[in-house]
Amino acid sequence: MHYTPEMEKAMQQSNKIGYEEYERKLDKRIAVEKRRQDEYEKCKQMSAEIDSHMYTR
């Protein structure tokens, strides 16, 4: 896959590694994906809490 400079910059800023290392090292890839999943779950929970507050007033 071809990665744009913007994609590389975002990967570096959010995960402190580049796409080349991400693709090459399984342990790094697993760590990145675990952080992404944790962040997704946290955001989903926050969204549900906000929704419940909006509809209970």
N, C-alpha and C. Protein backbone atom coordinates (compact mmCIF):
# COMPACT_ATOMS: atom_id res chain seq x y z
N MET A 1 0.84 -1.18 0.00
CA MET A 1 0.00 0.00 0.00
C MET A 1 0.89 1.24 0.00
N HIS A 2 0.45 2.24 -0.70
CA HIS A 2 1.19 3.50 -0.77
C HIS A 2 0.68 4.43 0.34
N TYR A 3 1.60 4.96 1.14
CA TYR A 3 1.24 5.86 2.23
C TYR A 3 1.66 7.27 1.88
N THR A 4 0.74 8.20 2.09
CA THR A 4 1.03 9.60 1.82
C THR A 4 1.84 10.18 2.97
N PRO A 5 2.51 11.29 2.73
CA PRO A 5 3.25 11.94 3.82
C PRO A 5 2.34 12.31 5.00
N GLU A 6 1.11 12.67 4.71
CA GLU A 6 0.16 13.01 5.77
C GLU A 6 -0.18 11.79 6.62
N MET A 7 -0.34 10.64 5.96
CA MET A 7 -0.62 9.40 6.70
C MET A 7 0.57 9.02 7.58
N GLU A 8 1.77 9.16 7.04
CA GLU A 8 2.98 8.84 7.80
C GLU A 8 3.09 9.76 9.01
N LYS A 9 2.84 11.05 8.80
CA LYS A 9 2.92 12.02 9.89
C LYS A 9 1.90 11.68 10.99
N ALA A 10 0.69 11.36 10.61
CA ALA A 10 -0.34 11.01 11.58
C ALA A 10 0.04 9.75 12.35
N MET A 11 0.61 8.76 11.66
CA MET A 11 1.03 7.53 12.33
C MET A 11 2.14 7.84 13.33
N GLN A 12 3.08 8.66 12.94
CA GLN A 12 4.19 9.03 13.82
C GLN A 12 3.67 9.78 15.05
N GLN A 13 2.77 10.72 14.84
CA GLN A 13 2.26 11.53 15.95
C GLN A 13 1.42 10.71 16.93
N SER A 14 0.60 9.83 16.42
CA SER A 14 -0.30 9.10 17.30
C SER A 14 0.29 7.83 17.89
N ASN A 15 1.26 7.23 17.19
CA ASN A 15 1.78 5.94 17.65
C ASN A 15 3.29 5.89 17.85
N LYS A 16 3.97 6.96 17.48
CA LYS A 16 5.43 7.06 17.64
C LYS A 16 6.21 6.05 16.81
N ILE A 17 5.57 5.52 15.76
CA ILE A 17 6.26 4.65 14.81
C ILE A 17 5.77 4.96 13.40
N GLY A 18 6.55 4.59 12.41
CA GLY A 18 6.15 4.79 11.03
C GLY A 18 5.48 3.55 10.46
N TYR A 19 4.93 3.70 9.26
CA TYR A 19 4.24 2.59 8.63
C TYR A 19 5.19 1.43 8.32
N GLU A 20 6.42 1.74 7.96
CA GLU A 20 7.36 0.66 7.64
C GLU A 20 7.56 -0.25 8.85
N GLU A 21 7.79 0.35 10.01
CA GLU A 21 7.97 -0.45 11.23
C GLU A 21 6.67 -1.14 11.62
N TYR A 22 5.55 -0.46 11.45
CA TYR A 22 4.23 -1.02 11.75
C TYR A 22 4.00 -2.30 10.95
N GLU A 23 4.35 -2.26 9.67
CA GLU A 23 4.16 -3.43 8.81
C GLU A 23 5.14 -4.55 9.12
N ARG A 24 6.33 -4.19 9.55
CA ARG A 24 7.41 -5.16 9.71
C ARG A 24 7.38 -5.89 11.06
N LYS A 25 6.91 -5.22 12.11
CA LYS A 25 7.00 -5.79 13.45
C LYS A 25 5.61 -6.09 14.01
N LEU A 26 5.32 -7.35 14.17
CA LEU A 26 4.02 -7.79 14.64
C LEU A 26 3.70 -7.25 16.03
N ASP A 27 4.66 -7.24 16.93
CA ASP A 27 4.39 -6.76 18.29
C ASP A 27 4.00 -5.29 18.29
N LYS A 28 4.61 -4.50 17.43
CA LYS A 28 4.27 -3.08 17.32
C LYS A 28 2.86 -2.92 16.75
N ARG A 29 2.55 -3.72 15.74
CA ARG A 29 1.22 -3.67 15.12
C ARG A 29 0.14 -4.04 16.13
N ILE A 30 0.39 -5.07 16.92
CA ILE A 30 -0.58 -5.49 17.93
C ILE A 30 -0.79 -4.38 18.96
N ALA A 31 0.30 -3.73 19.39
CA ALA A 31 0.19 -2.64 20.36
C ALA A 31 -0.62 -1.47 19.79
N VAL A 32 -0.37 -1.11 18.54
CA VAL A 32 -1.11 -0.02 17.90
C VAL A 32 -2.59 -0.38 17.81
N GLU A 33 -2.89 -1.58 17.37
CA GLU A 33 -4.29 -1.98 17.22
C GLU A 33 -5.00 -2.08 18.57
N LYS A 34 -4.29 -2.49 19.61
CA LYS A 34 -4.88 -2.54 20.94
C LYS A 34 -5.21 -1.13 21.42
N ARG A 35 -4.30 -0.18 21.20
CA ARG A 35 -4.58 1.21 21.58
C ARG A 35 -5.77 1.75 20.80
N ARG A 36 -5.86 1.44 19.52
CA ARG A 36 -6.99 1.89 18.71
C ARG A 36 -8.30 1.32 19.23
N GLN A 37 -8.29 0.04 19.57
CA GLN A 37 -9.50 -0.60 20.08
C GLN A 37 -9.90 0.00 21.43
N ASP A 38 -8.93 0.23 22.31
CA ASP A 38 -9.22 0.84 23.61
C ASP A 38 -9.80 2.24 23.44
N GLU A 39 -9.23 3.01 22.53
CA GLU A 39 -9.72 4.37 22.28
C GLU A 39 -11.14 4.32 21.71
N TYR A 40 -11.40 3.39 20.81
CA TYR A 40 -12.73 3.23 20.24
C TYR A 40 -13.75 2.91 21.33
N GLU A 41 -13.40 1.97 22.21
CA GLU A 41 -14.32 1.59 23.29
C GLU A 41 -14.59 2.76 24.22
N LYS A 42 -13.55 3.53 24.53
CA LYS A 42 -13.70 4.68 25.42
C LYS A 42 -14.61 5.72 24.77
N CYS A 43 -14.41 6.00 23.50
CA CYS A 43 -15.24 6.98 22.78
C CYS A 43 -16.68 6.51 22.68
N LYS A 44 -16.87 5.22 22.45
CA LYS A 44 -18.21 4.66 22.36
C LYS A 44 -18.94 4.82 23.69
N GLN A 45 -18.24 4.57 24.78
CA GLN A 45 -18.84 4.71 26.11
C GLN A 45 -19.18 6.17 26.40
N MET A 46 -18.27 7.09 26.07
CA MET A 46 -18.54 8.51 26.28
C MET A 46 -19.74 8.96 25.47
N SER A 47 -19.85 8.50 24.24
CA SER A 47 -20.97 8.86 23.38
C SER A 47 -22.29 8.36 23.97
N ALA A 48 -22.28 7.15 24.49
CA ALA A 48 -23.50 6.59 25.11
C ALA A 48 -23.89 7.41 26.34
N GLU A 49 -22.90 7.83 27.13
CA GLU A 49 -23.19 8.64 28.31
C GLU A 49 -23.77 9.99 27.91
N ILE A 50 -23.21 10.60 26.88
CA ILE A 50 -23.73 11.89 26.42
C ILE A 50 -25.15 11.73 25.90
N ASP A 51 -25.37 10.69 25.12
CA ASP A 51 -26.72 10.43 24.60
C ASP A 51 -27.73 10.25 25.73
N SER A 52 -27.35 9.51 26.76
CA SER A 52 -28.29 9.26 27.86
C SER A 52 -28.59 10.55 28.62
N HIS A 53 -27.61 11.43 28.74
CA HIS A 53 -27.85 12.72 29.41
C HIS A 53 -28.75 13.63 28.57
N MET A 54 -28.62 13.55 27.27
CA MET A 54 -29.42 14.40 26.38
C MET A 54 -30.89 14.01 26.41
N TYR A 55 -31.17 12.72 26.53
CA TYR A 55 -32.55 12.26 26.44
C TYR A 55 -33.23 12.14 27.80
N THR A 56 -32.50 12.35 28.89
CA THR A 56 -33.14 12.26 30.22
C THR A 56 -33.53 13.62 30.75
N ARG A 57 -33.30 14.64 30.00
CA ARG A 57 -33.64 16.00 30.48
C ARG A 57 -34.91 16.49 29.87
